[in-house]
């Protein structure tokens, strides 16, 4: 039976619990590590934003946001991903229409996510097959509802 999700079920801020890539050969990888952090926000006006990062990011040698070395900038990009734009909800599918993204290839594209479970505490999203590390895989993202005063 297909889940039917109400828009109100998604609204709010979700904190990343885990993210993994599952491949058809049984391989499971953690592209941002097992201690990744991130947030996913769905607003009532139909916009969303997602950001996630590896658990241990290297600091730049400078505090100047535009003056990091090429190596520092490359490492920062490899350890982080974000995107945002309007979203549409249909049954158990949510489509993110990407307007801005660290990965420029996604701008102007629709990122489809399948909602496998949602309640007032947890949201599980599954991606359509995606090319990651040279092979097709499916992303699984588990999010916990942000709790003000508890989560930092």
Protein backbone atom coordinates (compact mmCIF):
# COMPACT_ATOMS: atom_id res chain seq x y z
CA UNK A 1 0.00 0.00 0.00
CA UNK A 2 1.38 3.40 -1.00
CA UNK A 3 1.86 5.96 1.74
CA UNK A 4 -0.15 9.13 1.37
CA UNK A 5 1.67 11.98 3.02
CA UNK A 6 0.05 15.29 3.97
CA UNK A 7 2.17 18.43 3.44
CA UNK A 8 1.97 19.14 7.18
CA UNK A 9 3.81 15.84 7.81
CA UNK A 10 6.96 17.27 6.20
CA UNK A 11 6.88 20.87 7.45
CA UNK A 12 9.67 21.72 9.83
CA UNK A 13 13.34 21.10 10.40
CA UNK A 14 14.83 17.62 10.30
CA UNK A 15 18.25 16.66 11.66
CA UNK A 16 20.30 14.01 9.83
CA UNK A 17 20.61 10.69 11.65
CA UNK A 18 22.35 8.77 8.84
CA UNK A 19 22.96 8.68 5.11
CA UNK A 20 24.17 5.76 3.06
CA UNK A 21 24.46 4.63 -0.54
CA UNK A 22 23.24 1.12 -1.31
CA UNK A 23 24.40 -0.56 -4.51
CA UNK A 24 22.79 -3.44 -6.41
CA UNK A 25 25.84 -5.64 -5.73
CA UNK A 26 25.13 -5.41 -1.97
CA UNK A 27 27.85 -2.85 -1.28
CA UNK A 28 26.88 -0.14 1.24
CA UNK A 29 28.92 3.06 1.51
CA UNK A 30 28.75 6.15 3.69
CA UNK A 31 29.80 8.97 1.31
CA UNK A 32 29.88 11.59 4.06
CA UNK A 33 31.07 9.17 6.73
CA UNK A 34 29.27 7.50 9.60
CA UNK A 35 29.24 10.75 11.61
CA UNK A 36 27.75 13.05 8.97
CA UNK A 37 25.62 15.97 10.13
CA UNK A 38 22.97 17.97 8.36
CA UNK A 39 19.57 19.57 8.25
CA UNK A 40 16.58 19.34 5.94
CA UNK A 41 13.96 22.09 6.10
CA UNK A 42 10.51 22.05 4.53
CA UNK A 43 8.70 25.37 4.78
CA UNK A 44 4.93 25.88 4.68
CA UNK A 45 5.28 28.05 1.56
CA UNK A 46 6.60 25.15 -0.53
CA UNK A 47 10.37 25.63 -0.34
CA UNK A 48 13.00 23.26 0.96
CA UNK A 49 16.67 23.39 1.80
CA UNK A 50 19.12 20.59 2.59
CA UNK A 51 22.72 20.70 3.77
CA UNK A 52 24.96 17.93 4.99
CA UNK A 53 28.64 17.55 5.82
CA UNK A 54 31.15 15.00 6.95
CA UNK A 55 31.69 14.81 10.68
CA UNK A 56 35.28 16.05 10.68
CA UNK A 57 35.84 18.92 8.24
CA UNK A 58 39.25 20.53 7.97
CA UNK A 59 39.44 24.23 8.81
CA UNK A 60 40.99 26.74 6.40
CA UNK A 61 44.28 28.32 7.47
CA UNK A 62 42.61 31.73 7.10
CA UNK A 63 39.36 33.23 8.39
CA UNK A 64 38.83 34.89 4.98
CA UNK A 65 35.96 32.97 3.34
CA UNK A 66 37.27 33.77 -0.17
CA UNK A 67 40.98 33.21 0.44
CA UNK A 68 41.36 29.49 1.12
CA UNK A 69 43.92 27.56 -0.91
CA UNK A 70 42.72 25.47 -3.86
CA UNK A 71 43.33 22.34 -1.78
CA UNK A 72 41.28 23.73 1.13
CA UNK A 73 38.46 24.71 -1.22
CA UNK A 74 38.47 21.30 -2.92
CA UNK A 75 38.37 19.49 0.42
CA UNK A 76 35.53 21.72 1.63
CA UNK A 77 33.52 20.91 -1.50
CA UNK A 78 34.19 17.16 -1.17
CA UNK A 79 33.00 17.14 2.43
CA UNK A 80 29.73 19.05 1.97
CA UNK A 81 26.62 19.12 -0.19
CA UNK A 82 23.63 21.44 -0.20
CA UNK A 83 20.74 22.41 -2.41
CA UNK A 84 17.37 24.11 -2.21
CA UNK A 85 14.29 25.24 -4.07
CA UNK A 86 10.56 24.63 -4.31
CA UNK A 87 9.15 21.19 -3.61
CA UNK A 88 6.04 19.24 -4.62
CA UNK A 89 4.46 16.37 -2.74
CA UNK A 90 2.52 13.62 -4.54
CA UNK A 91 1.54 10.55 -2.51
CA UNK A 92 4.76 9.17 -1.08
CA UNK A 93 7.01 11.11 -3.50
CA UNK A 94 8.52 14.51 -2.90
CA UNK A 95 10.20 16.32 -5.78
CA UNK A 96 12.81 18.97 -5.00
CA UNK A 97 13.11 21.49 -7.86
CA UNK A 98 16.72 22.60 -7.43
CA UNK A 99 17.33 26.35 -7.79
CA UNK A 100 20.71 26.48 -6.00
CA UNK A 101 23.22 23.72 -5.30
CA UNK A 102 26.86 23.18 -4.42
CA UNK A 103 26.81 20.59 -7.24
CA UNK A 104 26.00 22.86 -10.22
CA UNK A 105 24.75 19.98 -12.40
CA UNK A 106 21.65 19.71 -10.20
CA UNK A 107 20.54 23.34 -10.74
CA UNK A 108 17.39 23.31 -12.86
CA UNK A 109 16.84 19.60 -12.24
CA UNK A 110 14.22 17.80 -10.19
CA UNK A 111 15.50 15.55 -7.42
CA UNK A 112 12.91 12.85 -6.66
CA UNK A 113 12.78 11.34 -3.18
CA UNK A 114 10.54 8.49 -2.06
CA UNK A 115 9.15 8.81 1.43
CA UNK A 116 9.46 5.41 3.06
CA UNK A 117 8.25 6.54 6.47
CA UNK A 118 7.27 9.73 8.22
CA UNK A 119 5.84 10.45 11.64
CA UNK A 120 6.28 13.24 14.16
CA UNK A 121 9.78 11.97 15.03
CA UNK A 122 11.36 10.42 11.92
CA UNK A 123 11.50 10.82 8.14
CA UNK A 124 13.10 8.24 5.84
CA UNK A 125 13.84 9.32 2.27
CA UNK A 126 15.13 7.15 -0.57
CA UNK A 127 16.60 8.60 -3.74
CA UNK A 128 16.08 7.39 -7.25
CA UNK A 129 19.22 5.63 -8.55
CA UNK A 130 22.09 8.12 -8.72
CA UNK A 131 25.65 7.96 -10.02
CA UNK A 132 28.01 8.00 -7.03
CA UNK A 133 31.66 6.97 -7.09
CA UNK A 134 31.34 5.65 -10.62
CA UNK A 135 28.37 3.32 -10.10
CA UNK A 136 24.62 3.55 -9.70
CA UNK A 137 23.37 3.50 -6.14
CA UNK A 138 20.36 4.46 -4.08
CA UNK A 139 20.66 6.96 -1.26
CA UNK A 140 18.91 6.31 2.04
CA UNK A 141 18.57 9.27 4.38
CA UNK A 142 17.15 9.03 7.88
CA UNK A 143 16.12 12.31 9.47
CA UNK A 144 14.87 13.00 13.01
CA UNK A 145 12.54 15.89 13.74
CA UNK A 146 14.45 18.82 15.23
CA UNK A 147 13.51 19.38 18.85
CA UNK A 148 14.16 22.97 20.04
CA UNK A 149 15.88 23.01 23.40
CA UNK A 150 17.11 19.43 22.96
CA UNK A 151 19.01 19.53 19.66
CA UNK A 152 21.89 21.92 19.29
